[in-house]
């Protein structure tokens, strides 16, 4: 049976959902820009004390703006363009090529029954998300 991209994406979604994985694209540049801008305005308005207060307020504002942007990895995976899904498909297929399965449900059951396969697929997924998407990963409890 030919391996379908959709089946592999469902498998990766199941594994990442089981581990409660979320990812966020890093927006450190935006936070730094806000911090600098508020510090600059504080310095113009209040001199040296205004600069200190503006830097502190800007830092808090920048941190607040960039926090809370984590999304579940299954959602991110399903929104990937077909070319990116194909990259993941190729990498995952290399790991599971020796398994004998008929559909996504059976494939998921086989992989979920093997901690070694889960670890290999997770490592591949984490590598893809951090290197290709430049995202930060978080595991919720």
N, C-alpha and C. Protein backbone atom coordinates (compact mmCIF):
# COMPACT_ATOMS: atom_id res chain seq x y z
N UNK A 1 0.84 -1.19 0.00
CA UNK A 1 0.00 0.00 0.00
C UNK A 1 0.88 1.25 0.00
N UNK A 2 0.58 2.21 -0.84
CA UNK A 2 1.38 3.43 -0.83
C UNK A 2 1.15 4.23 0.46
N UNK A 3 2.21 4.82 0.92
CA UNK A 3 2.13 5.63 2.14
C UNK A 3 1.58 7.00 1.74
N UNK A 4 0.59 7.46 2.48
CA UNK A 4 -0.04 8.73 2.18
C UNK A 4 0.48 9.82 3.12
N UNK A 5 0.68 11.00 2.57
CA UNK A 5 1.16 12.14 3.36
C UNK A 5 0.19 12.41 4.51
N UNK A 6 -1.10 12.34 4.20
CA UNK A 6 -2.12 12.62 5.22
C UNK A 6 -2.00 11.66 6.41
N UNK A 7 -1.71 10.38 6.14
CA UNK A 7 -1.57 9.40 7.22
C UNK A 7 -0.39 9.75 8.12
N UNK A 8 0.72 10.14 7.51
CA UNK A 8 1.91 10.50 8.29
C UNK A 8 1.65 11.76 9.11
N UNK A 9 0.95 12.73 8.53
CA UNK A 9 0.63 13.96 9.27
C UNK A 9 -0.27 13.64 10.46
N UNK A 10 -1.23 12.73 10.28
CA UNK A 10 -2.10 12.32 11.40
C UNK A 10 -1.27 11.65 12.48
N UNK A 11 -0.32 10.82 12.08
CA UNK A 11 0.55 10.16 13.04
C UNK A 11 1.36 11.18 13.85
N UNK A 12 1.98 12.13 13.16
CA UNK A 12 2.78 13.14 13.85
C UNK A 12 1.90 14.01 14.76
N UNK A 13 0.68 14.28 14.33
CA UNK A 13 -0.26 15.02 15.17
C UNK A 13 -0.59 14.23 16.43
N UNK A 14 -0.81 12.93 16.29
CA UNK A 14 -1.13 12.08 17.45
C UNK A 14 0.01 12.06 18.45
N UNK A 15 1.23 11.91 17.94
CA UNK A 15 2.39 11.86 18.84
C UNK A 15 2.57 13.19 19.56
N UNK A 16 2.50 14.29 18.83
CA UNK A 16 2.70 15.59 19.46
C UNK A 16 1.56 15.96 20.39
N UNK A 17 0.36 15.51 20.06
CA UNK A 17 -0.78 15.76 20.95
C UNK A 17 -0.65 14.96 22.23
N UNK A 18 -0.18 13.71 22.11
CA UNK A 18 0.02 12.85 23.27
C UNK A 18 1.03 13.48 24.24
N UNK A 19 2.03 14.15 23.70
CA UNK A 19 3.07 14.80 24.52
C UNK A 19 2.70 16.23 24.89
N UNK A 20 1.53 16.69 24.46
CA UNK A 20 1.05 18.04 24.74
C UNK A 20 2.07 19.10 24.32
N UNK A 21 2.54 18.96 23.09
CA UNK A 21 3.55 19.87 22.56
C UNK A 21 2.92 21.11 21.94
N UNK A 22 3.53 22.25 22.23
CA UNK A 22 3.12 23.51 21.62
C UNK A 22 4.37 24.21 21.10
N UNK A 23 4.18 25.08 20.14
CA UNK A 23 5.33 25.81 19.58
C UNK A 23 4.94 27.26 19.33
N UNK A 24 5.96 28.10 19.37
CA UNK A 24 5.77 29.52 19.08
C UNK A 24 6.97 30.00 18.29
N UNK A 25 6.68 30.77 17.26
CA UNK A 25 7.75 31.40 16.51
C UNK A 25 8.30 32.51 17.38
N UNK A 26 9.60 32.60 17.46
CA UNK A 26 10.23 33.59 18.33
C UNK A 26 10.07 34.99 17.74
N UNK A 27 9.61 35.90 18.58
CA UNK A 27 9.42 37.29 18.18
C UNK A 27 10.30 38.20 19.01
N UNK A 28 11.53 37.79 19.26
CA UNK A 28 12.39 38.57 20.13
C UNK A 28 12.70 39.95 19.54
N UNK A 29 12.76 40.03 18.22
CA UNK A 29 13.03 41.32 17.57
C UNK A 29 11.95 42.34 17.87
N UNK A 30 10.70 41.89 17.84
CA UNK A 30 9.58 42.79 18.13
C UNK A 30 9.64 43.27 19.58
N UNK A 31 9.94 42.36 20.49
CA UNK A 31 10.04 42.72 21.91
C UNK A 31 11.17 43.71 22.15
N UNK A 32 12.30 43.50 21.49
CA UNK A 32 13.45 44.40 21.64
C UNK A 32 13.12 45.79 21.09
N UNK A 33 12.41 45.83 19.98
CA UNK A 33 12.03 47.10 19.37
C UNK A 33 11.11 47.90 20.30
N UNK A 34 10.14 47.23 20.89
CA UNK A 34 9.22 47.89 21.82
C UNK A 34 9.99 48.40 23.03
N UNK A 35 10.87 47.55 23.58
CA UNK A 35 11.65 47.95 24.75
C UNK A 35 12.48 49.20 24.45
N UNK A 36 13.17 49.19 23.31
CA UNK A 36 14.00 50.32 22.94
C UNK A 36 13.20 51.59 22.70
N UNK A 37 12.06 51.45 22.04
CA UNK A 37 11.23 52.62 21.74
C UNK A 37 10.69 53.25 23.02
N UNK A 38 10.20 52.44 23.93
CA UNK A 38 9.64 52.99 25.18
C UNK A 38 10.76 53.60 26.03
N UNK A 39 11.94 52.97 26.06
CA UNK A 39 13.08 53.53 26.80
C UNK A 39 13.49 54.88 26.20
N UNK A 40 13.49 54.96 24.87
CA UNK A 40 13.85 56.21 24.20
C UNK A 40 12.87 57.33 24.56
N UNK A 41 11.59 57.03 24.48
CA UNK A 41 10.58 58.04 24.82
C UNK A 41 10.69 58.43 26.28
N UNK A 42 10.92 57.45 27.15
CA UNK A 42 11.09 57.74 28.58
C UNK A 42 12.29 58.65 28.80
N UNK A 43 13.38 58.41 28.07
CA UNK A 43 14.56 59.26 28.19
C UNK A 43 14.31 60.67 27.69
N UNK A 44 13.54 60.81 26.62
CA UNK A 44 13.21 62.15 26.11
C UNK A 44 12.34 62.92 27.09
N UNK A 45 11.39 62.22 27.68
CA UNK A 45 10.43 62.89 28.57
C UNK A 45 11.01 63.14 29.96
N UNK A 46 11.74 62.15 30.50
CA UNK A 46 12.15 62.27 31.90
C UNK A 46 13.64 62.28 32.13
N UNK A 47 14.44 62.38 31.10
CA UNK A 47 15.89 62.38 31.30
C UNK A 47 16.37 61.02 31.77
N UNK A 48 17.48 60.99 32.52
CA UNK A 48 18.02 59.70 32.97
C UNK A 48 17.03 58.85 33.78
N UNK A 49 16.28 59.45 34.74
CA UNK A 49 15.30 58.60 35.44
C UNK A 49 14.21 58.09 34.50
N UNK A 50 13.81 58.91 33.54
CA UNK A 50 12.80 58.49 32.56
C UNK A 50 13.31 57.37 31.68
N UNK A 51 14.60 57.39 31.38
CA UNK A 51 15.22 56.32 30.60
C UNK A 51 15.15 55.00 31.36
N UNK A 52 15.45 55.05 32.64
CA UNK A 52 15.40 53.83 33.47
C UNK A 52 13.98 53.30 33.57
N UNK A 53 13.04 54.19 33.84
CA UNK A 53 11.63 53.77 33.96
C UNK A 53 11.12 53.29 32.60
N UNK A 54 11.46 54.01 31.54
CA UNK A 54 11.02 53.62 30.19
C UNK A 54 11.58 52.26 29.80
N UNK A 55 12.84 52.00 30.15
CA UNK A 55 13.44 50.69 29.86
C UNK A 55 12.74 49.56 30.58
N UNK A 56 12.42 49.81 31.87
CA UNK A 56 11.73 48.78 32.66
C UNK A 56 10.32 48.53 32.12
N UNK A 57 9.58 49.61 31.87
CA UNK A 57 8.21 49.47 31.36
C UNK A 57 8.24 48.85 29.95
N UNK A 58 9.17 49.31 29.13
CA UNK A 58 9.29 48.76 27.77
C UNK A 58 9.64 47.29 27.78
N UNK A 59 10.52 46.89 28.69
CA UNK A 59 10.87 45.47 28.81
C UNK A 59 9.67 44.62 29.20
N UNK A 60 8.90 45.09 30.16
CA UNK A 60 7.69 44.37 30.56
C UNK A 60 6.67 44.31 29.43
N UNK A 61 6.50 45.44 28.74
CA UNK A 61 5.56 45.48 27.63
C UNK A 61 6.00 44.55 26.49
N UNK A 62 7.31 44.57 26.18
CA UNK A 62 7.84 43.69 25.13
C UNK A 62 7.67 42.22 25.48
N UNK A 63 7.92 41.87 26.74
CA UNK A 63 7.75 40.48 27.18
C UNK A 63 6.28 40.07 27.11
N UNK A 64 5.40 40.96 27.51
CA UNK A 64 3.97 40.65 27.48
C UNK A 64 3.49 40.45 26.04
N UNK A 65 3.99 41.28 25.12
CA UNK A 65 3.56 41.19 23.71
C UNK A 65 3.98 39.88 23.06
N UNK A 66 5.13 39.35 23.46
CA UNK A 66 5.64 38.15 22.80
C UNK A 66 5.26 36.87 23.53
N UNK A 67 4.63 36.95 24.67
CA UNK A 67 4.25 35.74 25.40
C UNK A 67 2.86 35.27 24.96
N UNK A 68 2.57 34.02 25.27
CA UNK A 68 1.23 33.49 25.01
C UNK A 68 0.93 33.22 23.56
N UNK A 69 1.96 33.10 22.72
CA UNK A 69 1.73 32.86 21.31
C UNK A 69 2.00 31.40 20.94
N UNK A 70 1.95 30.53 21.92
CA UNK A 70 2.15 29.11 21.67
C UNK A 70 0.87 28.50 21.12
N UNK A 71 1.04 27.69 20.08
CA UNK A 71 -0.10 26.99 19.48
C UNK A 71 0.20 25.51 19.50
N UNK A 72 -0.85 24.68 19.59
CA UNK A 72 -0.62 23.23 19.55
C UNK A 72 0.08 22.82 18.26
N UNK A 73 1.05 21.93 18.37
CA UNK A 73 1.80 21.49 17.20
C UNK A 73 0.90 20.80 16.17
N UNK A 74 -0.11 20.00 16.58
CA UNK A 74 -0.98 19.43 15.54
C UNK A 74 -1.62 20.51 14.65
N UNK A 75 -2.01 21.61 15.25
CA UNK A 75 -2.61 22.71 14.47
C UNK A 75 -1.57 23.28 13.49
N UNK A 76 -0.35 23.47 13.97
CA UNK A 76 0.71 24.00 13.11
C UNK A 76 1.00 23.04 11.96
N UNK A 77 1.07 21.74 12.26
CA UNK A 77 1.38 20.75 11.23
C UNK A 77 0.32 20.72 10.13
N UNK A 78 -0.95 20.80 10.52
CA UNK A 78 -2.02 20.73 9.53
C UNK A 78 -2.11 22.00 8.69
N UNK A 79 -1.53 23.11 9.18
CA UNK A 79 -1.55 24.37 8.43
C UNK A 79 -0.32 24.53 7.53
N UNK A 80 0.62 23.60 7.61
CA UNK A 80 1.82 23.69 6.78
C UNK A 80 1.46 23.56 5.30
N UNK A 81 2.19 24.25 4.45
CA UNK A 81 1.96 24.09 3.01
C UNK A 81 2.37 22.68 2.57
N UNK A 82 1.82 22.18 1.47
CA UNK A 82 2.11 20.83 1.01
C UNK A 82 3.61 20.51 0.87
N UNK A 83 4.41 21.46 0.44
CA UNK A 83 5.85 21.21 0.29
C UNK A 83 6.51 20.93 1.64
N UNK A 84 6.09 21.65 2.68
CA UNK A 84 6.64 21.43 4.02
C UNK A 84 6.14 20.11 4.61
N UNK A 85 4.87 19.79 4.35
CA UNK A 85 4.34 18.51 4.81
C UNK A 85 5.11 17.36 4.14
N UNK A 86 5.49 17.57 2.90
CA UNK A 86 6.24 16.55 2.17
C UNK A 86 7.62 16.33 2.80
N UNK A 87 8.26 17.40 3.27
CA UNK A 87 9.55 17.26 3.96
C UNK A 87 9.39 16.39 5.21
N UNK A 88 8.35 16.68 5.98
CA UNK A 88 8.10 15.87 7.18
C UNK A 88 7.77 14.43 6.81
N UNK A 89 6.98 14.27 5.78
CA UNK A 89 6.60 12.94 5.29
C UNK A 89 7.85 12.13 4.94
N UNK A 90 8.76 12.72 4.19
CA UNK A 90 9.97 12.02 3.78
C UNK A 90 10.82 11.62 4.98
N UNK A 91 10.96 12.52 5.94
CA UNK A 91 11.76 12.22 7.13
C UNK A 91 11.10 11.13 7.98
N UNK A 92 9.78 11.19 8.14
CA UNK A 92 9.07 10.19 8.94
C UNK A 92 9.06 8.84 8.25
N UNK A 93 8.90 8.84 6.94
CA UNK A 93 8.87 7.59 6.18
C UNK A 93 10.19 6.84 6.33
N UNK A 94 11.29 7.56 6.38
CA UNK A 94 12.59 6.91 6.57
C UNK A 94 12.65 6.18 7.92
N UNK A 95 11.93 6.67 8.91
CA UNK A 95 11.93 6.06 10.24
C UNK A 95 11.00 4.85 10.31
N UNK A 96 9.84 4.93 9.66
CA UNK A 96 8.82 3.87 9.80
C UNK A 96 8.71 2.97 8.57
N UNK A 97 9.66 3.03 7.67
CA UNK A 97 9.56 2.30 6.39
C UNK A 97 9.42 0.79 6.55
N UNK A 98 9.87 0.22 7.65
CA UNK A 98 9.81 -1.23 7.83
C UNK A 98 8.51 -1.71 8.49
N UNK A 99 7.62 -0.79 8.84
CA UNK A 99 6.35 -1.19 9.46
C UNK A 99 5.36 -1.63 8.39
N UNK A 100 4.51 -2.59 8.75
CA UNK A 100 3.46 -3.08 7.85
C UNK A 100 2.12 -2.60 8.40
N UNK A 101 1.44 -1.70 7.68
CA UNK A 101 0.19 -1.12 8.15
C UNK A 101 -0.74 -0.83 6.97
N UNK A 102 -2.03 -0.67 7.28
CA UNK A 102 -3.04 -0.46 6.23
C UNK A 102 -3.61 0.96 6.21
N UNK A 103 -3.74 1.60 7.37
CA UNK A 103 -4.31 2.95 7.41
C UNK A 103 -3.70 3.73 8.56
N UNK A 104 -4.10 4.99 8.68
CA UNK A 104 -3.53 5.87 9.70
C UNK A 104 -3.79 5.36 11.11
N UNK A 105 -4.95 4.76 11.34
CA UNK A 105 -5.29 4.25 12.67
C UNK A 105 -4.34 3.13 13.06
N UNK A 106 -4.12 2.19 12.14
CA UNK A 106 -3.22 1.07 12.43
C UNK A 106 -1.77 1.57 12.58
N UNK A 107 -1.36 2.48 11.74
CA UNK A 107 -0.01 3.05 11.83
C UNK A 107 0.19 3.73 13.18
N UNK A 108 -0.77 4.52 13.60
CA UNK A 108 -0.68 5.21 14.87
C UNK A 108 -0.61 4.22 16.03
N UNK A 109 -1.41 3.16 15.97
CA UNK A 109 -1.38 2.15 17.03
C UNK A 109 -0.02 1.47 17.09
N UNK A 110 0.55 1.14 15.95
CA UNK A 110 1.87 0.50 15.91
C UNK A 110 2.94 1.41 16.52
N UNK A 111 2.92 2.67 16.14
CA UNK A 111 3.94 3.61 16.64
C UNK A 111 3.73 3.90 18.12
N UNK A 112 2.50 4.08 18.53
CA UNK A 112 2.23 4.38 19.94
C UNK A 112 2.59 3.20 20.85
N UNK A 113 2.68 2.02 20.28
CA UNK A 113 3.08 0.84 21.04
C UNK A 113 4.58 0.67 21.15
N UNK A 114 5.33 1.52 20.47
CA UNK A 114 6.79 1.42 20.47
C UNK A 114 7.40 2.74 20.94
N UNK A 115 7.94 2.73 22.14
CA UNK A 115 8.57 3.94 22.69
C UNK A 115 9.77 4.37 21.83
N UNK A 116 10.49 3.40 21.29
CA UNK A 116 11.66 3.72 20.45
C UNK A 116 11.24 4.48 19.19
N UNK A 117 10.18 4.01 18.52
CA UNK A 117 9.69 4.71 17.32
C UNK A 117 9.17 6.10 17.67
N UNK A 118 8.46 6.20 18.78
CA UNK A 118 7.95 7.51 19.20
C UNK A 118 9.10 8.49 19.42
N UNK A 119 10.16 8.02 20.09
CA UNK A 119 11.31 8.89 20.36
C UNK A 119 11.99 9.34 19.07
N UNK A 120 12.13 8.43 18.12
CA UNK A 120 12.76 8.78 16.84
C UNK A 120 11.92 9.81 16.08
N UNK A 121 10.60 9.57 16.05
CA UNK A 121 9.72 10.51 15.34
C UNK A 121 9.66 11.86 16.06
N UNK A 122 9.65 11.83 17.39
CA UNK A 122 9.64 13.09 18.15
C UNK A 122 10.93 13.88 17.90
N UNK A 123 12.06 13.19 17.90
CA UNK A 123 13.33 13.87 17.65
C UNK A 123 13.33 14.51 16.26
N UNK A 124 12.82 13.79 15.28
CA UNK A 124 12.75 14.33 13.92
C UNK A 124 11.82 15.55 13.89
N UNK A 125 10.67 15.47 14.57
CA UNK A 125 9.70 16.55 14.59
C UNK A 125 10.26 17.78 15.30
N UNK A 126 10.88 17.58 16.45
CA UNK A 126 11.47 18.69 17.20
C UNK A 126 12.56 19.36 16.36
N UNK A 127 13.38 18.57 15.70
CA UNK A 127 14.43 19.12 14.85
C UNK A 127 13.82 19.96 13.72
N UNK A 128 12.79 19.45 13.10
CA UNK A 128 12.13 20.19 12.02
C UNK A 128 11.56 21.52 12.52
N UNK A 129 10.84 21.47 13.64
CA UNK A 129 10.18 22.67 14.15
C UNK A 129 11.19 23.72 14.58
N UNK A 130 12.26 23.30 15.24
CA UNK A 130 13.24 24.28 15.71
C UNK A 130 14.13 24.80 14.58
N UNK A 131 14.51 23.94 13.64
CA UNK A 131 15.44 24.35 12.57
C UNK A 131 14.71 24.99 11.38
N UNK A 132 13.65 24.37 10.91
CA UNK A 132 12.96 24.85 9.71
C UNK A 132 11.98 25.99 10.01
N UNK A 133 11.24 25.86 11.11
CA UNK A 133 10.24 26.88 11.44
C UNK A 133 10.77 27.93 12.41
N UNK A 134 11.98 27.69 12.94
CA UNK A 134 12.59 28.61 13.92
C UNK A 134 11.64 28.89 15.07
N UNK A 135 11.06 27.84 15.60
CA UNK A 135 10.08 27.97 16.67
C UNK A 135 10.63 27.39 17.98
N UNK A 136 10.05 27.83 19.05
CA UNK A 136 10.38 27.33 20.39
C UNK A 136 9.30 26.32 20.77
N UNK A 137 9.71 25.21 21.37
CA UNK A 137 8.76 24.16 21.74
C UNK A 137 8.57 24.15 23.25
N UNK A 138 7.32 23.92 23.65
CA UNK A 138 6.99 23.82 25.07
C UNK A 138 6.12 22.59 25.26
N UNK A 139 6.31 21.90 26.38
CA UNK A 139 5.51 20.73 26.72
C UNK A 139 4.62 21.12 27.90
N UNK A 140 3.31 21.05 27.72
CA UNK A 140 2.39 21.35 28.81
C UNK A 140 2.17 20.09 29.64
N UNK A 141 1.87 20.30 30.91
CA UNK A 141 1.60 19.15 31.79
C UNK A 141 0.15 18.78 31.78
